[in-house]
Protein backbone atom coordinates (compact mmCIF):
# COMPACT_ATOMS: atom_id res chain seq x y z
CA UNK A 1 0.00 0.00 0.00
CA UNK A 2 3.04 2.26 0.08
CA UNK A 3 6.36 2.54 -1.72
CA UNK A 4 7.22 2.37 -5.40
CA UNK A 5 5.01 0.62 -7.95
CA UNK A 6 5.98 -2.77 -9.39
CA UNK A 7 7.39 -3.21 -12.91
CA UNK A 8 4.74 -3.77 -15.58
CA UNK A 9 4.57 -6.42 -18.25
CA UNK A 10 4.25 -3.74 -20.95
CA UNK A 11 7.53 -2.05 -19.96
CA UNK A 12 9.54 -5.06 -18.72
CA UNK A 13 8.21 -8.28 -20.27
CA UNK A 14 11.59 -10.04 -19.84
CA UNK A 15 11.26 -9.70 -16.03
CA UNK A 16 8.26 -12.07 -15.93
CA UNK A 17 7.34 -14.51 -14.48
CA UNK A 18 8.57 -14.13 -10.90
CA UNK A 19 7.40 -15.37 -7.49
CA UNK A 20 5.93 -13.35 -4.63
CA UNK A 21 4.82 -14.24 -1.11
CA UNK A 22 1.63 -12.96 0.52
CA UNK A 23 0.86 -14.19 4.02
CA UNK A 24 2.82 -17.43 3.58
CA UNK A 25 1.29 -18.23 0.18
CA UNK A 26 3.69 -18.28 -2.79
CA UNK A 27 2.29 -17.03 -6.11
CA UNK A 28 3.85 -16.79 -9.57
CA UNK A 29 3.22 -13.38 -11.15
CA UNK A 30 2.75 -13.66 -14.92
CA UNK A 31 1.64 -10.06 -15.60
CA UNK A 32 1.19 -6.66 -13.94
CA UNK A 33 -0.83 -3.84 -15.47
CA UNK A 34 -0.94 -0.09 -14.70
CA UNK A 35 2.16 2.02 -14.22
CA UNK A 36 0.47 3.83 -11.30
CA UNK A 37 -1.24 2.65 -8.15
CA UNK A 38 -3.46 0.66 -7.98
CA UNK A 39 -1.89 -2.12 -10.05
CA UNK A 40 -3.42 -5.45 -11.13
CA UNK A 41 -1.39 -8.65 -10.80
CA UNK A 42 -2.17 -11.81 -12.80
CA UNK A 43 -0.99 -14.73 -10.67
CA UNK A 44 -0.87 -18.50 -10.41
CA UNK A 45 -1.86 -19.05 -6.79
CA UNK A 46 -0.85 -21.66 -4.21
CA UNK A 47 2.49 -22.55 -5.85
CA UNK A 48 3.70 -23.87 -2.48
CA UNK A 49 0.43 -25.65 -1.60
CA UNK A 50 -0.74 -22.94 0.83
CA UNK A 51 -4.30 -21.73 0.18
CA UNK A 52 -5.59 -18.73 2.12
CA UNK A 53 -7.72 -15.64 1.94
CA UNK A 54 -5.82 -12.34 2.01
CA UNK A 55 -7.04 -9.02 3.35
CA UNK A 56 -6.98 -5.88 1.23
CA UNK A 57 -3.63 -4.17 1.74
CA UNK A 58 -1.80 -7.40 2.66
CA UNK A 59 2.00 -7.24 2.48
CA UNK A 60 3.36 -8.43 -0.90
CA UNK A 61 7.06 -9.35 -1.13
CA UNK A 62 9.40 -10.90 -3.66
CA UNK A 63 9.97 -14.54 -2.77
CA UNK A 64 13.70 -14.23 -3.54
CA UNK A 65 14.72 -10.56 -3.33
CA UNK A 66 18.00 -9.44 -4.89
CA UNK A 67 20.92 -9.30 -2.45
CA UNK A 68 23.75 -6.93 -3.22
CA UNK A 69 27.07 -7.05 -1.39
CA UNK A 70 28.63 -3.81 -0.22
PDB file of N, CA and C in Angstrom:
ATOM      1  N   UNK A   1       0.808  -1.206   0.000  1.00  0.00           N
ATOM      2  CA  UNK A   1       0.000   0.000   0.000  1.00  0.00           C
ATOM      3  C   UNK A   1       0.844   1.259   0.000  1.00  0.00           C
ATOM      4  N   UNK A   2       2.147   1.099   0.142  1.00  0.00           N
ATOM      5  CA  UNK A   2       3.041   2.258   0.078  1.00  0.00           C
ATOM      6  C   UNK A   2       4.323   1.840  -0.634  1.00  0.00           C
ATOM      7  N   UNK A   3       5.110   2.835  -1.036  1.00  0.00           N
ATOM      8  CA  UNK A   3       6.358   2.539  -1.720  1.00  0.00           C
ATOM      9  C   UNK A   3       6.202   2.617  -3.222  1.00  0.00           C
ATOM     10  N   UNK A   4       7.264   2.267  -3.946  1.00  0.00           N
ATOM     11  CA  UNK A   4       7.220   2.366  -5.402  1.00  0.00           C
ATOM     12  C   UNK A   4       6.289   1.321  -6.016  1.00  0.00           C
ATOM     13  N   UNK A   5       5.848   1.598  -7.253  1.00  0.00           N
ATOM     14  CA  UNK A   5       5.013   0.621  -7.953  1.00  0.00           C
ATOM     15  C   UNK A   5       5.898  -0.489  -8.503  1.00  0.00           C
ATOM     16  N   UNK A   6       5.285  -1.622  -8.827  1.00  0.00           N
ATOM     17  CA  UNK A   6       5.983  -2.773  -9.387  1.00  0.00           C
ATOM     18  C   UNK A   6       6.213  -2.545 -10.883  1.00  0.00           C
ATOM     19  N   UNK A   7       7.172  -3.283 -11.458  1.00  0.00           N
ATOM     20  CA  UNK A   7       7.391  -3.211 -12.909  1.00  0.00           C
ATOM     21  C   UNK A   7       6.147  -3.757 -13.607  1.00  0.00           C
ATOM     22  N   UNK A   8       5.905  -3.287 -14.831  1.00  0.00           N
ATOM     23  CA  UNK A   8       4.743  -3.770 -15.581  1.00  0.00           C
ATOM     24  C   UNK A   8       5.191  -4.678 -16.715  1.00  0.00           C
ATOM     25  N   UNK A   9       4.288  -5.523 -17.137  1.00  0.00           N
ATOM     26  CA  UNK A   9       4.570  -6.425 -18.246  1.00  0.00           C
ATOM     27  C   UNK A   9       4.837  -5.629 -19.522  1.00  0.00           C
ATOM     28  N   UNK A  10       4.093  -4.548 -19.736  1.00  0.00           N
ATOM     29  CA  UNK A  10       4.245  -3.742 -20.949  1.00  0.00           C
ATOM     30  C   UNK A  10       5.645  -3.150 -21.057  1.00  0.00           C
ATOM     31  N   UNK A  11       6.216  -2.713 -19.948  1.00  0.00           N
ATOM     32  CA  UNK A  11       7.525  -2.055 -19.962  1.00  0.00           C
ATOM     33  C   UNK A  11       8.692  -3.014 -19.748  1.00  0.00           C
ATOM     34  N   UNK A  12       8.457  -4.154 -19.105  1.00  0.00           N
ATOM     35  CA  UNK A  12       9.538  -5.061 -18.719  1.00  0.00           C
ATOM     36  C   UNK A  12       9.139  -6.529 -18.876  1.00  0.00           C
ATOM     37  N   UNK A  13       8.707  -6.914 -20.043  1.00  0.00           N
ATOM     38  CA  UNK A  13       8.210  -8.283 -20.271  1.00  0.00           C
ATOM     39  C   UNK A  13       9.250  -9.350 -19.931  1.00  0.00           C
ATOM     40  N   UNK A  14      10.531  -9.050 -20.110  1.00  0.00           N
ATOM     41  CA  UNK A  14      11.589 -10.036 -19.837  1.00  0.00           C
ATOM     42  C   UNK A  14      11.732 -10.336 -18.344  1.00  0.00           C
ATOM     43  N   UNK A  15      11.166  -9.508 -17.486  1.00  0.00           N
ATOM     44  CA  UNK A  15      11.264  -9.704 -16.032  1.00  0.00           C
ATOM     45  C   UNK A  15      10.232 -10.714 -15.504  1.00  0.00           C
ATOM     46  N   UNK A  16       9.339 -11.179 -16.343  1.00  0.00           N
ATOM     47  CA  UNK A  16       8.258 -12.068 -15.929  1.00  0.00           C
ATOM     48  C   UNK A  16       8.512 -13.474 -16.442  1.00  0.00           C
ATOM     49  N   UNK A  17       8.045 -14.505 -15.759  1.00  0.00           N
ATOM     50  CA  UNK A  17       7.344 -14.511 -14.481  1.00  0.00           C
ATOM     51  C   UNK A  17       8.329 -14.431 -13.316  1.00  0.00           C
ATOM     52  N   UNK A  18       7.798 -14.099 -12.141  1.00  0.00           N
ATOM     53  CA  UNK A  18       8.571 -14.135 -10.903  1.00  0.00           C
ATOM     54  C   UNK A  18       7.630 -14.502  -9.760  1.00  0.00           C
ATOM     55  N   UNK A  19       8.205 -14.914  -8.629  1.00  0.00           N
ATOM     56  CA  UNK A  19       7.398 -15.367  -7.489  1.00  0.00           C
ATOM     57  C   UNK A  19       7.326 -14.305  -6.405  1.00  0.00           C
ATOM     58  N   UNK A  20       6.153 -14.225  -5.772  1.00  0.00           N
ATOM     59  CA  UNK A  20       5.932 -13.348  -4.631  1.00  0.00           C
ATOM     60  C   UNK A  20       5.393 -14.179  -3.479  1.00  0.00           C
ATOM     61  N   UNK A  21       5.418 -13.589  -2.272  1.00  0.00           N
ATOM     62  CA  UNK A  21       4.817 -14.236  -1.108  1.00  0.00           C
ATOM     63  C   UNK A  21       3.854 -13.249  -0.462  1.00  0.00           C
ATOM     64  N   UNK A  22       2.654 -13.744  -0.172  1.00  0.00           N
ATOM     65  CA  UNK A  22       1.633 -12.962   0.520  1.00  0.00           C
ATOM     66  C   UNK A  22       1.103 -13.832   1.648  1.00  0.00           C
ATOM     67  N   UNK A  23       1.380 -13.461   2.872  1.00  0.00           N
ATOM     68  CA  UNK A  23       0.859 -14.194   4.022  1.00  0.00           C
ATOM     69  C   UNK A  23       1.206 -15.666   4.055  1.00  0.00           C
ATOM     70  N   UNK A  24       2.391 -16.037   3.572  1.00  0.00           N
ATOM     71  CA  UNK A  24       2.816 -17.425   3.582  1.00  0.00           C
ATOM     72  C   UNK A  24       2.451 -18.197   2.320  1.00  0.00           C
ATOM     73  N   UNK A  25       1.650 -17.596   1.442  1.00  0.00           N
ATOM     74  CA  UNK A  25       1.285 -18.233   0.176  1.00  0.00           C
ATOM     75  C   UNK A  25       2.211 -17.724  -0.931  1.00  0.00           C
ATOM     76  N   UNK A  26       2.825 -18.646  -1.667  1.00  0.00           N
ATOM     77  CA  UNK A  26       3.688 -18.278  -2.791  1.00  0.00           C
ATOM     78  C   UNK A  26       2.845 -18.253  -4.058  1.00  0.00           C
ATOM     79  N   UNK A  27       3.004 -17.195  -4.845  1.00  0.00           N
ATOM     80  CA  UNK A  27       2.293 -17.026  -6.109  1.00  0.00           C
ATOM     81  C   UNK A  27       3.297 -16.686  -7.197  1.00  0.00           C
ATOM     82  N   UNK A  28       3.037 -17.151  -8.423  1.00  0.00           N
ATOM     83  CA  UNK A  28       3.853 -16.788  -9.567  1.00  0.00           C
ATOM     84  C   UNK A  28       3.132 -15.683 -10.326  1.00  0.00           C
ATOM     85  N   UNK A  29       3.790 -14.533 -10.446  1.00  0.00           N
ATOM     86  CA  UNK A  29       3.219 -13.384 -11.153  1.00  0.00           C
ATOM     87  C   UNK A  29       3.566 -13.518 -12.630  1.00  0.00           C
ATOM     88  N   UNK A  30       2.535 -13.540 -13.478  1.00  0.00           N
ATOM     89  CA  UNK A  30       2.750 -13.657 -14.916  1.00  0.00           C
ATOM     90  C   UNK A  30       2.524 -12.337 -15.645  1.00  0.00           C
ATOM     91  N   UNK A  31       1.870 -11.374 -14.991  1.00  0.00           N
ATOM     92  CA  UNK A  31       1.640 -10.062 -15.601  1.00  0.00           C
ATOM     93  C   UNK A  31       1.261  -9.047 -14.531  1.00  0.00           C
ATOM     94  N   UNK A  32       1.627  -7.786 -14.772  1.00  0.00           N
ATOM     95  CA  UNK A  32       1.192  -6.663 -13.938  1.00  0.00           C
ATOM     96  C   UNK A  32       0.797  -5.540 -14.886  1.00  0.00           C
ATOM     97  N   UNK A  33      -0.381  -4.959 -14.652  1.00  0.00           N
ATOM     98  CA  UNK A  33      -0.828  -3.839 -15.466  1.00  0.00           C
ATOM     99  C   UNK A  33      -0.928  -2.582 -14.613  1.00  0.00           C
ATOM    100  N   UNK A  34      -0.857  -1.434 -15.271  1.00  0.00           N
ATOM    101  CA  UNK A  34      -0.942  -0.090 -14.701  1.00  0.00           C
ATOM    102  C   UNK A  34       0.414   0.354 -14.144  1.00  0.00           C
ATOM    103  N   UNK A  35       0.889   1.457 -14.659  1.00  0.00           N
ATOM    104  CA  UNK A  35       2.161   2.020 -14.216  1.00  0.00           C
ATOM    105  C   UNK A  35       1.989   2.904 -12.986  1.00  0.00           C
ATOM    106  N   UNK A  36       0.748   3.059 -12.515  1.00  0.00           N
ATOM    107  CA  UNK A  36       0.474   3.831 -11.304  1.00  0.00           C
ATOM    108  C   UNK A  36      -0.388   2.982 -10.377  1.00  0.00           C
ATOM    109  N   UNK A  37      -0.439   3.378  -9.130  1.00  0.00           N
ATOM    110  CA  UNK A  37      -1.240   2.650  -8.148  1.00  0.00           C
ATOM    111  C   UNK A  37      -2.714   3.020  -8.323  1.00  0.00           C
ATOM    112  N   UNK A  38      -3.636   2.078  -8.259  1.00  0.00           N
ATOM    113  CA  UNK A  38      -3.465   0.656  -7.976  1.00  0.00           C
ATOM    114  C   UNK A  38      -3.037  -0.130  -9.215  1.00  0.00           C
ATOM    115  N   UNK A  39      -2.336  -1.238  -8.987  1.00  0.00           N
ATOM    116  CA  UNK A  39      -1.893  -2.121 -10.048  1.00  0.00           C
ATOM    117  C   UNK A  39      -2.649  -3.446  -9.958  1.00  0.00           C
ATOM    118  N   UNK A  40      -2.761  -4.143 -11.090  1.00  0.00           N
ATOM    119  CA  UNK A  40      -3.422  -5.447 -11.131  1.00  0.00           C
ATOM    120  C   UNK A  40      -2.401  -6.515 -11.466  1.00  0.00           C
ATOM    121  N   UNK A  41      -2.300  -7.526 -10.610  1.00  0.00           N
ATOM    122  CA  UNK A  41      -1.393  -8.652 -10.803  1.00  0.00           C
ATOM    123  C   UNK A  41      -2.180  -9.836 -11.356  1.00  0.00           C
ATOM    124  N   UNK A  42      -1.634 -10.536 -12.349  1.00  0.00           N
ATOM    125  CA  UNK A  42      -2.173 -11.813 -12.804  1.00  0.00           C
ATOM    126  C   UNK A  42      -1.251 -12.875 -12.232  1.00  0.00           C
ATOM    127  N   UNK A  43      -1.816 -13.784 -11.418  1.00  0.00           N
ATOM    128  CA  UNK A  43      -0.986 -14.733 -10.671  1.00  0.00           C
ATOM    129  C   UNK A  43      -1.495 -16.165 -10.795  1.00  0.00           C
ATOM    130  N   UNK A  44      -0.547 -17.098 -10.653  1.00  0.00           N
ATOM    131  CA  UNK A  44      -0.869 -18.495 -10.407  1.00  0.00           C
ATOM    132  C   UNK A  44      -0.752 -18.666  -8.902  1.00  0.00           C
ATOM    133  N   UNK A  45      -1.841 -19.002  -8.244  1.00  0.00           N
ATOM    134  CA  UNK A  45      -1.864 -19.050  -6.787  1.00  0.00           C
ATOM    135  C   UNK A  45      -1.465 -20.412  -6.256  1.00  0.00           C
ATOM    136  N   UNK A  46      -1.115 -20.447  -4.974  1.00  0.00           N
ATOM    137  CA  UNK A  46      -0.851 -21.663  -4.213  1.00  0.00           C
ATOM    138  C   UNK A  46       0.281 -22.505  -4.806  1.00  0.00           C
ATOM    139  N   UNK A  47       1.340 -21.843  -5.276  1.00  0.00           N
ATOM    140  CA  UNK A  47       2.489 -22.545  -5.852  1.00  0.00           C
ATOM    141  C   UNK A  47       3.129 -23.471  -4.815  1.00  0.00           C
ATOM    142  N   UNK A  48       3.101 -23.066  -3.542  1.00  0.00           N
ATOM    143  CA  UNK A  48       3.698 -23.869  -2.477  1.00  0.00           C
ATOM    144  C   UNK A  48       2.677 -24.719  -1.718  1.00  0.00           C
ATOM    145  N   UNK A  49       1.456 -24.824  -2.237  1.00  0.00           N
ATOM    146  CA  UNK A  49       0.433 -25.648  -1.595  1.00  0.00           C
ATOM    147  C   UNK A  49      -0.363 -24.945  -0.513  1.00  0.00           C
ATOM    148  N   UNK A  50      -0.017 -23.705  -0.181  1.00  0.00           N
ATOM    149  CA  UNK A  50      -0.745 -22.936   0.829  1.00  0.00           C
ATOM    150  C   UNK A  50      -1.908 -22.229   0.145  1.00  0.00           C
ATOM    151  N   UNK A  51      -3.106 -22.388   0.708  1.00  0.00           N
ATOM    152  CA  UNK A  51      -4.298 -21.735   0.185  1.00  0.00           C
ATOM    153  C   UNK A  51      -4.895 -20.896   1.295  1.00  0.00           C
ATOM    154  N   UNK A  52      -5.008 -19.584   1.101  1.00  0.00           N
ATOM    155  CA  UNK A  52      -5.585 -18.727   2.119  1.00  0.00           C
ATOM    156  C   UNK A  52      -6.285 -17.531   1.499  1.00  0.00           C
ATOM    157  N   UNK A  53      -7.085 -16.891   2.304  1.00  0.00           N
ATOM    158  CA  UNK A  53      -7.716 -15.638   1.936  1.00  0.00           C
ATOM    159  C   UNK A  53      -6.827 -14.511   2.432  1.00  0.00           C
ATOM    160  N   UNK A  54      -6.669 -13.458   1.629  1.00  0.00           N
ATOM    161  CA  UNK A  54      -5.816 -12.336   2.010  1.00  0.00           C
ATOM    162  C   UNK A  54      -6.643 -11.063   2.122  1.00  0.00           C
ATOM    163  N   UNK A  55      -6.341 -10.282   3.133  1.00  0.00           N
ATOM    164  CA  UNK A  55      -7.035  -9.016   3.348  1.00  0.00           C
ATOM    165  C   UNK A  55      -6.540  -7.961   2.365  1.00  0.00           C
ATOM    166  N   UNK A  56      -7.390  -7.020   2.037  1.00  0.00           N
ATOM    167  CA  UNK A  56      -6.985  -5.885   1.226  1.00  0.00           C
ATOM    168  C   UNK A  56      -5.826  -5.189   1.923  1.00  0.00           C
ATOM    169  N   UNK A  57      -4.793  -4.848   1.167  1.00  0.00           N
ATOM    170  CA  UNK A  57      -3.634  -4.174   1.741  1.00  0.00           C
ATOM    171  C   UNK A  57      -2.609  -5.114   2.341  1.00  0.00           C
ATOM    172  N   UNK A  58      -2.761  -6.431   2.125  1.00  0.00           N
ATOM    173  CA  UNK A  58      -1.805  -7.402   2.659  1.00  0.00           C
ATOM    174  C   UNK A  58      -0.415  -7.140   2.088  1.00  0.00           C
ATOM    175  N   UNK A  59       0.605  -7.431   2.867  1.00  0.00           N
ATOM    176  CA  UNK A  59       1.995  -7.243   2.475  1.00  0.00           C
ATOM    177  C   UNK A  59       2.357  -8.193   1.331  1.00  0.00           C
ATOM    178  N   UNK A  60       2.936  -7.642   0.256  1.00  0.00           N
ATOM    179  CA  UNK A  60       3.364  -8.427  -0.902  1.00  0.00           C
ATOM    180  C   UNK A  60       4.871  -8.272  -1.020  1.00  0.00           C
ATOM    181  N   UNK A  61       5.597  -9.389  -1.043  1.00  0.00           N
ATOM    182  CA  UNK A  61       7.065  -9.353  -1.126  1.00  0.00           C
ATOM    183  C   UNK A  61       7.570 -10.304  -2.195  1.00  0.00           C
ATOM    184  N   UNK A  62       8.727  -9.959  -2.770  1.00  0.00           N
ATOM    185  CA  UNK A  62       9.400 -10.895  -3.661  1.00  0.00           C
ATOM    186  C   UNK A  62       9.767 -12.135  -2.871  1.00  0.00           C
ATOM    187  N   UNK A  63       9.596 -13.310  -3.464  1.00  0.00           N
ATOM    188  CA  UNK A  63       9.967 -14.542  -2.773  1.00  0.00           C
ATOM    189  C   UNK A  63      11.474 -14.603  -2.581  1.00  0.00           C
ATOM    190  N   UNK A  64      12.233 -14.230  -3.612  1.00  0.00           N
ATOM    191  CA  UNK A  64      13.697 -14.227  -3.536  1.00  0.00           C
ATOM    192  C   UNK A  64      14.201 -12.845  -3.939  1.00  0.00           C
ATOM    193  N   UNK A  65      14.259 -11.909  -2.991  1.00  0.00           N
ATOM    194  CA  UNK A  65      14.720 -10.560  -3.327  1.00  0.00           C
ATOM    195  C   UNK A  65      16.207 -10.562  -3.698  1.00  0.00           C
ATOM    196  N   UNK A  66      16.593  -9.591  -4.495  1.00  0.00           N
ATOM    197  CA  UNK A  66      17.999  -9.440  -4.886  1.00  0.00           C
ATOM    198  C   UNK A  66      18.818  -9.054  -3.660  1.00  0.00           C
ATOM    199  N   UNK A  67      20.007  -9.632  -3.546  1.00  0.00           N
ATOM    200  CA  UNK A  67      20.921  -9.298  -2.448  1.00  0.00           C
ATOM    201  C   UNK A  67      22.188  -8.758  -3.076  1.00  0.00           C
ATOM    202  N   UNK A  68      22.573  -7.584  -2.660  1.00  0.00           N
ATOM    203  CA  UNK A  68      23.747  -6.926  -3.219  1.00  0.00           C
ATOM    204  C   UNK A  68      24.779  -6.733  -2.125  1.00  0.00           C
ATOM    205  N   UNK A  69      25.994  -7.225  -2.360  1.00  0.00           N
ATOM    206  CA  UNK A  69      27.072  -7.053  -1.388  1.00  0.00           C
ATOM    207  C   UNK A  69      27.613  -5.632  -1.420  1.00  0.00           C
ATOM    208  N   UNK A  70      28.057  -5.170  -0.289  1.00  0.00           N
ATOM    209  CA  UNK A  70      28.627  -3.813  -0.217  1.00  0.00           C
ATOM    210  C   UNK A  70      30.127  -3.858  -0.320  1.00  0.00           C
TER     211      UNK A  70
END
